């Protein structure tokens, strides 16, 4: 599992960790039942505090992305398919809002953006 920490980001380190793990789960890179690195192991790999890593895991568990089993570790939790779809849609909506804002700044019309999106869909 590869997690990148940016010291120049305004986002706290624990949020960077949790958001990257969430993204891996939503993309399917991490699947139900997959074991996550231990809190200590991840802290050591990232050269950060164990407390920071624990906070990230606690947040993920509170949000239902992972389950921790005392003495065994943390695992990707089973996900409600409908909830997963809604979360993915929310991410896409947020990214599209960014596109709309940038398009407005650049003075692009809806039809120009729509055409760009159509072309991208055909390429992928």
C-alpha atoms as a PDB file:
ATOM      1  CA  UNK A   1       0.000   0.000   0.000  1.00  0.00           C
ATOM      2  CA  UNK A   2       1.468   3.323  -1.070  1.00  0.00           C
ATOM      3  CA  UNK A   3       0.596   6.476   0.844  1.00  0.00           C
ATOM      4  CA  UNK A   4       2.190   9.808   0.081  1.00  0.00           C
ATOM      5  CA  UNK A   5       2.399  12.502   2.729  1.00  0.00           C
ATOM      6  CA  UNK A   6       2.797  16.137   1.740  1.00  0.00           C
ATOM      7  CA  UNK A   7       4.255  18.471   4.331  1.00  0.00           C
ATOM      8  CA  UNK A   8       3.196  21.445   2.220  1.00  0.00           C
ATOM      9  CA  UNK A   9      -0.482  20.432   2.221  1.00  0.00           C
ATOM     10  CA  UNK A  10      -2.983  22.344   4.341  1.00  0.00           C
ATOM     11  CA  UNK A  11      -4.669  19.013   5.079  1.00  0.00           C
ATOM     12  CA  UNK A  12      -3.551  17.394   8.370  1.00  0.00           C
ATOM     13  CA  UNK A  13      -1.412  14.272   7.977  1.00  0.00           C
ATOM     14  CA  UNK A  14      -4.028  11.965   9.505  1.00  0.00           C
ATOM     15  CA  UNK A  15      -6.579  13.230   6.949  1.00  0.00           C
ATOM     16  CA  UNK A  16      -4.104  12.670   4.110  1.00  0.00           C
ATOM     17  CA  UNK A  17      -3.708   9.069   5.256  1.00  0.00           C
ATOM     18  CA  UNK A  18      -7.414   8.407   5.737  1.00  0.00           C
ATOM     19  CA  UNK A  19      -8.434  10.054   2.454  1.00  0.00           C
ATOM     20  CA  UNK A  20      -5.863   8.022   0.492  1.00  0.00           C
ATOM     21  CA  UNK A  21      -6.994   4.768   2.106  1.00  0.00           C
ATOM     22  CA  UNK A  22     -10.657   5.675   1.424  1.00  0.00           C
ATOM     23  CA  UNK A  23      -9.757   6.349  -2.205  1.00  0.00           C
ATOM     24  CA  UNK A  24      -8.058   2.927  -2.466  1.00  0.00           C
ATOM     25  CA  UNK A  25     -11.169   1.266  -1.043  1.00  0.00           C
ATOM     26  CA  UNK A  26     -13.544   3.187  -3.327  1.00  0.00           C
ATOM     27  CA  UNK A  27     -11.424   2.392  -6.403  1.00  0.00           C
ATOM     28  CA  UNK A  28     -11.300  -1.267  -5.445  1.00  0.00           C
ATOM     29  CA  UNK A  29      -7.530  -1.324  -4.924  1.00  0.00           C
ATOM     30  CA  UNK A  30      -8.284  -2.471  -1.366  1.00  0.00           C
ATOM     31  CA  UNK A  31     -11.054  -5.036  -1.093  1.00  0.00           C
ATOM     32  CA  UNK A  32     -13.256  -6.304   1.700  1.00  0.00           C
ATOM     33  CA  UNK A  33     -11.191  -8.306   4.178  1.00  0.00           C
ATOM     34  CA  UNK A  34      -7.814  -6.957   3.034  1.00  0.00           C
ATOM     35  CA  UNK A  35      -5.499  -6.375   5.951  1.00  0.00           C
ATOM     36  CA  UNK A  36      -4.066  -2.890   6.437  1.00  0.00           C
ATOM     37  CA  UNK A  37      -0.550  -2.321   7.717  1.00  0.00           C
ATOM     38  CA  UNK A  38      -0.292  -2.192  11.495  1.00  0.00           C
ATOM     39  CA  UNK A  39      -0.540   1.257  13.050  1.00  0.00           C
ATOM     40  CA  UNK A  40       3.071   1.024  14.215  1.00  0.00           C
ATOM     41  CA  UNK A  41       4.273  -0.340  10.880  1.00  0.00           C
ATOM     42  CA  UNK A  42       2.592   2.388   8.859  1.00  0.00           C
ATOM     43  CA  UNK A  43       3.872   5.070  11.238  1.00  0.00           C
ATOM     44  CA  UNK A  44       7.394   3.710  10.835  1.00  0.00           C
ATOM     45  CA  UNK A  45       7.123   3.523   7.025  1.00  0.00           C
ATOM     46  CA  UNK A  46       5.786   7.078   6.796  1.00  0.00           C
ATOM     47  CA  UNK A  47       8.154   8.330   9.513  1.00  0.00           C
ATOM     48  CA  UNK A  48       5.307   9.890  11.487  1.00  0.00           C
ATOM     49  CA  UNK A  49       3.857   9.543  14.959  1.00  0.00           C
ATOM     50  CA  UNK A  50       1.932   6.406  15.930  1.00  0.00           C
ATOM     51  CA  UNK A  51      -0.709   8.774  17.354  1.00  0.00           C
ATOM     52  CA  UNK A  52      -1.235  10.329  13.909  1.00  0.00           C
ATOM     53  CA  UNK A  53      -1.636   6.928  12.262  1.00  0.00           C
ATOM     54  CA  UNK A  54      -4.007   5.786  15.004  1.00  0.00           C
ATOM     55  CA  UNK A  55      -6.119   8.898  14.486  1.00  0.00           C
ATOM     56  CA  UNK A  56      -6.372   8.136  10.752  1.00  0.00           C
ATOM     57  CA  UNK A  57      -7.405   4.525  11.440  1.00  0.00           C
ATOM     58  CA  UNK A  58      -9.905   5.654  14.092  1.00  0.00           C
ATOM     59  CA  UNK A  59     -11.498   8.027  11.569  1.00  0.00           C
ATOM     60  CA  UNK A  60     -11.683   5.274   8.944  1.00  0.00           C
ATOM     61  CA  UNK A  61     -13.275   2.921  11.452  1.00  0.00           C
ATOM     62  CA  UNK A  62     -15.769   5.556  12.612  1.00  0.00           C
ATOM     63  CA  UNK A  63     -16.803   6.105   8.981  1.00  0.00           C
ATOM     64  CA  UNK A  64     -17.204   2.356   8.416  1.00  0.00           C
ATOM     65  CA  UNK A  65     -14.350   1.843   5.976  1.00  0.00           C
ATOM     66  CA  UNK A  66     -12.282  -0.436   8.190  1.00  0.00           C
ATOM     67  CA  UNK A  67     -12.755  -2.764  11.146  1.00  0.00           C
ATOM     68  CA  UNK A  68     -10.140  -3.297  13.823  1.00  0.00           C
ATOM     69  CA  UNK A  69      -9.850  -6.625  15.608  1.00  0.00           C
ATOM     70  CA  UNK A  70      -7.963  -6.552  18.891  1.00  0.00           C
ATOM     71  CA  UNK A  71      -4.721  -8.497  18.544  1.00  0.00           C
ATOM     72  CA  UNK A  72      -5.223  -9.193  14.821  1.00  0.00           C
ATOM     73  CA  UNK A  73      -5.135  -5.811  13.091  1.00  0.00           C
ATOM     74  CA  UNK A  74      -7.261  -3.610  10.884  1.00  0.00           C
ATOM     75  CA  UNK A  75      -9.157  -4.856   7.847  1.00  0.00           C
ATOM     76  CA  UNK A  76     -11.220  -3.324   5.056  1.00  0.00           C
ATOM     77  CA  UNK A  77     -14.848  -3.549   6.179  1.00  0.00           C
ATOM     78  CA  UNK A  78     -17.631  -4.960   4.042  1.00  0.00           C
ATOM     79  CA  UNK A  79     -19.230  -2.077   2.221  1.00  0.00           C
ATOM     80  CA  UNK A  80     -22.852  -1.365   1.457  1.00  0.00           C
ATOM     81  CA  UNK A  81     -22.914  -1.330  -2.378  1.00  0.00           C
ATOM     82  CA  UNK A  82     -25.476   1.477  -2.573  1.00  0.00           C
ATOM     83  CA  UNK A  83     -23.542   3.591  -0.078  1.00  0.00           C
ATOM     84  CA  UNK A  84     -20.321   2.979  -2.008  1.00  0.00           C
ATOM     85  CA  UNK A  85     -22.017   4.125  -5.224  1.00  0.00           C
ATOM     86  CA  UNK A  86     -23.257   7.293  -3.500  1.00  0.00           C
ATOM     87  CA  UNK A  87     -19.781   8.045  -2.183  1.00  0.00           C
ATOM     88  CA  UNK A  88     -18.273   7.601  -5.641  1.00  0.00           C
ATOM     89  CA  UNK A  89     -20.946   9.869  -7.140  1.00  0.00           C
ATOM     90  CA  UNK A  90     -20.170  12.505  -4.511  1.00  0.00           C
ATOM     91  CA  UNK A  91     -16.477  12.427  -5.445  1.00  0.00           C
ATOM     92  CA  UNK A  92     -17.330  12.850  -9.131  1.00  0.00           C
ATOM     93  CA  UNK A  93     -19.687  15.732  -8.350  1.00  0.00           C
ATOM     94  CA  UNK A  94     -16.957  17.505  -6.382  1.00  0.00           C
ATOM     95  CA  UNK A  95     -14.492  17.112  -9.237  1.00  0.00           C
ATOM     96  CA  UNK A  96     -17.060  18.307 -11.763  1.00  0.00           C
ATOM     97  CA  UNK A  97     -17.728  21.376  -9.600  1.00  0.00           C
ATOM     98  CA  UNK A  98     -14.028  22.191  -9.874  1.00  0.00           C
ATOM     99  CA  UNK A  99     -14.230  21.795 -13.653  1.00  0.00           C
ATOM    100  CA  UNK A 100     -17.258  24.101 -13.822  1.00  0.00           C
ATOM    101  CA  UNK A 101     -15.511  26.763 -11.721  1.00  0.00           C
ATOM    102  CA  UNK A 102     -12.367  26.623 -13.859  1.00  0.00           C
ATOM    103  CA  UNK A 103     -14.458  26.659 -17.058  1.00  0.00           C
ATOM    104  CA  UNK A 104     -16.247  29.794 -15.885  1.00  0.00           C
ATOM    105  CA  UNK A 105     -12.930  31.463 -15.059  1.00  0.00           C
ATOM    106  CA  UNK A 106     -11.633  30.637 -18.541  1.00  0.00           C
ATOM    107  CA  UNK A 107     -14.886  31.710 -20.193  1.00  0.00           C
ATOM    108  CA  UNK A 108     -15.673  28.285 -21.670  1.00  0.00           C
ATOM    109  CA  UNK A 109     -19.265  27.556 -22.613  1.00  0.00           C
ATOM    110  CA  UNK A 110     -21.272  24.530 -21.522  1.00  0.00           C
ATOM    111  CA  UNK A 111     -21.128  23.142 -25.060  1.00  0.00           C
ATOM    112  CA  UNK A 112     -17.323  23.434 -25.149  1.00  0.00           C
ATOM    113  CA  UNK A 113     -16.963  21.621 -21.826  1.00  0.00           C
ATOM    114  CA  UNK A 114     -19.558  19.047 -22.881  1.00  0.00           C
ATOM    115  CA  UNK A 115     -17.635  18.389 -26.094  1.00  0.00           C
ATOM    116  CA  UNK A 116     -14.389  17.944 -24.134  1.00  0.00           C
ATOM    117  CA  UNK A 117     -16.116  15.468 -21.823  1.00  0.00           C
ATOM    118  CA  UNK A 118     -17.578  13.549 -24.779  1.00  0.00           C
ATOM    119  CA  UNK A 119     -14.117  13.262 -26.369  1.00  0.00           C
ATOM    120  CA  UNK A 120     -12.577  12.064 -23.091  1.00  0.00           C
ATOM    121  CA  UNK A 121     -15.289   9.425 -22.701  1.00  0.00           C
ATOM    122  CA  UNK A 122     -14.560   8.133 -26.199  1.00  0.00           C
ATOM    123  CA  UNK A 123     -10.817   7.942 -25.497  1.00  0.00           C
ATOM    124  CA  UNK A 124     -11.156   5.918 -22.324  1.00  0.00           C
END
